[in-house]
Structure formats: structure tokens, C-alpha cells
Amino acid sequence: METTDFERELVAAQDELTRIAYRLTEDKEKANNLVEKLNEYHKQPFMMHTSGFKYHEIADKLNIPISTIKSRIFLRRHILK
């Protein structure tokens, strides 16, 4: 049975999606490994922010000034780039 152009394009698209998914998974694993290496002092605000907490919520929960929260999250982002 002959493969149509559409079928070839579909297979190529599926292959590309698989490669993208692999890269995203790999990048996520690298990011998680880096975050795990951070000490708890700096890690907690960053993890809370990536979990959806707003700056003011993190500051209230940890009883830390919001400016400190912002700087810690900024530094963690910078390290992870």
C-alpha cells in the first residue's frame, strides 16, 4: 500500500512532537535538579511562586518582606537560565 503525502506529513509531525516532548521533559528534569540543589532558605519562595502563589501571599506565609521574596525569586530564575 502506498503512503500518501498526508500520511508522511502526519508521521513527520508526530516525530517532531515526540522530540519536543522529550526536550521539554529533559529541561524540566534539569530545572528540578537545579532547584533541589538550592538551599531551603532560597528554594521555598521560588517553589511557592512556581506553584501559583503570589508574591504577597508568599511574604505573608513566610513572614518575610515582599522585596526579599521578589529578590530571591529573581535570583533563582537567573540561576536556572
C-alpha atoms as a PDB file:
ATOM      1  CA  MET A   1       0.000   0.000   0.000  1.00  0.00           C
ATOM      2  CA  GLU A   2       1.361   3.399  -0.998  1.00  0.00           C
ATOM      3  CA  THR A   3       1.849   6.089   1.637  1.00  0.00           C
ATOM      4  CA  THR A   4       0.115   9.370   0.872  1.00  0.00           C
ATOM      5  CA  ASP A   5       1.665  12.799   1.330  1.00  0.00           C
ATOM      6  CA  PHE A   6      -0.749  13.418   4.183  1.00  0.00           C
ATOM      7  CA  GLU A   7       0.344  10.238   5.989  1.00  0.00           C
ATOM      8  CA  ARG A   8       4.027  11.156   5.558  1.00  0.00           C
ATOM      9  CA  GLU A   9       3.335  14.652   6.919  1.00  0.00           C
ATOM     10  CA  LEU A  10       1.397  13.178   9.827  1.00  0.00           C
ATOM     11  CA  VAL A  11       4.253  10.831  10.734  1.00  0.00           C
ATOM     12  CA  ALA A  12       6.756  13.700  10.470  1.00  0.00           C
ATOM     13  CA  ALA A  13       4.581  15.869  12.727  1.00  0.00           C
ATOM     14  CA  GLN A  14       4.265  13.065  15.289  1.00  0.00           C
ATOM     15  CA  ASP A  15       8.028  12.593  15.269  1.00  0.00           C
ATOM     16  CA  GLU A  16       8.568  16.320  15.822  1.00  0.00           C
ATOM     17  CA  LEU A  17       6.073  16.362  18.693  1.00  0.00           C
ATOM     18  CA  THR A  18       7.875  13.419  20.278  1.00  0.00           C
ATOM     19  CA  ARG A  19      11.211  15.267  20.029  1.00  0.00           C
ATOM     20  CA  ILE A  20       9.678  18.427  21.540  1.00  0.00           C
ATOM     21  CA  ALA A  21       8.094  16.455  24.387  1.00  0.00           C
ATOM     22  CA  TYR A  22      11.434  14.776  25.099  1.00  0.00           C
ATOM     23  CA  ARG A  23      13.257  18.129  25.202  1.00  0.00           C
ATOM     24  CA  LEU A  24      10.617  19.642  27.493  1.00  0.00           C
ATOM     25  CA  THR A  25      10.827  16.672  29.829  1.00  0.00           C
ATOM     26  CA  GLU A  26      14.607  16.827  29.833  1.00  0.00           C
ATOM     27  CA  ASP A  27      14.587  20.578  30.536  1.00  0.00           C
ATOM     28  CA  LYS A  28      12.078  20.110  33.346  1.00  0.00           C
ATOM     29  CA  GLU A  29      14.254  17.412  34.898  1.00  0.00           C
ATOM     30  CA  LYS A  30      17.316  19.668  34.675  1.00  0.00           C
ATOM     31  CA  ALA A  31      15.393  22.531  36.266  1.00  0.00           C
ATOM     32  CA  ASN A  32      14.121  20.278  39.057  1.00  0.00           C
ATOM     33  CA  ASN A  33      17.649  19.016  39.716  1.00  0.00           C
ATOM     34  CA  LEU A  34      18.956  22.583  39.965  1.00  0.00           C
ATOM     35  CA  VAL A  35      16.126  23.610  42.283  1.00  0.00           C
ATOM     36  CA  GLU A  36      16.834  20.618  44.506  1.00  0.00           C
ATOM     37  CA  LYS A  37      20.402  21.850  44.893  1.00  0.00           C
ATOM     38  CA  LEU A  38      19.229  25.231  46.200  1.00  0.00           C
ATOM     39  CA  ASN A  39      19.210  25.576  49.946  1.00  0.00           C
ATOM     40  CA  GLU A  40      15.805  25.690  51.619  1.00  0.00           C
ATOM     41  CA  TYR A  41      16.279  29.342  52.518  1.00  0.00           C
ATOM     42  CA  HIS A  42      16.070  30.352  48.853  1.00  0.00           C
ATOM     43  CA  LYS A  43      14.155  27.396  47.445  1.00  0.00           C
ATOM     44  CA  GLN A  44      10.895  27.725  49.343  1.00  0.00           C
ATOM     45  CA  PRO A  45       9.805  31.132  47.941  1.00  0.00           C
ATOM     46  CA  PHE A  46      10.698  30.015  44.407  1.00  0.00           C
ATOM     47  CA  MET A  47       8.791  26.742  44.692  1.00  0.00           C
ATOM     48  CA  MET A  48       5.776  28.512  46.151  1.00  0.00           C
ATOM     49  CA  HIS A  49       5.814  31.025  43.287  1.00  0.00           C
ATOM     50  CA  THR A  50       6.020  28.292  40.650  1.00  0.00           C
ATOM     51  CA  SER A  51       3.111  26.582  42.416  1.00  0.00           C
ATOM     52  CA  GLY A  52       0.941  29.634  41.822  1.00  0.00           C
ATOM     53  CA  PHE A  53       1.352  31.708  44.970  1.00  0.00           C
ATOM     54  CA  LYS A  54       1.505  35.484  44.502  1.00  0.00           C
ATOM     55  CA  TYR A  55       4.407  37.488  45.945  1.00  0.00           C
ATOM     56  CA  HIS A  56       2.293  38.948  48.735  1.00  0.00           C
ATOM     57  CA  GLU A  57       0.931  35.505  49.672  1.00  0.00           C
ATOM     58  CA  ILE A  58       4.451  34.100  49.952  1.00  0.00           C
ATOM     59  CA  ALA A  59       5.592  37.082  52.007  1.00  0.00           C
ATOM     60  CA  ASP A  60       2.642  36.705  54.374  1.00  0.00           C
ATOM     61  CA  LYS A  61       3.036  32.952  54.751  1.00  0.00           C
ATOM     62  CA  LEU A  62       6.811  33.074  55.359  1.00  0.00           C
ATOM     63  CA  ASN A  63       6.681  36.345  57.313  1.00  0.00           C
ATOM     64  CA  ILE A  64       9.346  37.877  55.057  1.00  0.00           C
ATOM     65  CA  PRO A  65       9.238  41.314  53.378  1.00  0.00           C
ATOM     66  CA  ILE A  66       7.837  41.199  49.836  1.00  0.00           C
ATOM     67  CA  SER A  67      11.010  42.852  48.494  1.00  0.00           C
ATOM     68  CA  THR A  68      13.034  39.927  49.853  1.00  0.00           C
ATOM     69  CA  ILE A  69      10.647  37.442  48.225  1.00  0.00           C
ATOM     70  CA  LYS A  70      10.958  39.211  44.861  1.00  0.00           C
ATOM     71  CA  SER A  71      14.755  39.265  45.011  1.00  0.00           C
ATOM     72  CA  ARG A  72      15.003  35.590  45.983  1.00  0.00           C
ATOM     73  CA  ILE A  73      12.688  34.548  43.159  1.00  0.00           C
ATOM     74  CA  PHE A  74      14.571  36.772  40.707  1.00  0.00           C
ATOM     75  CA  LEU A  75      17.902  35.242  41.749  1.00  0.00           C
ATOM     76  CA  ARG A  76      16.567  31.672  41.410  1.00  0.00           C
ATOM     77  CA  ARG A  77      15.262  32.430  37.919  1.00  0.00           C
ATOM     78  CA  HIS A  78      18.623  33.899  36.987  1.00  0.00           C
ATOM     79  CA  ILE A  79      20.472  30.824  38.260  1.00  0.00           C
ATOM     80  CA  LEU A  80      18.176  28.489  36.360  1.00  0.00           C
ATOM     81  CA  LYS A  81      18.729  30.229  32.993  1.00  0.00           C
END
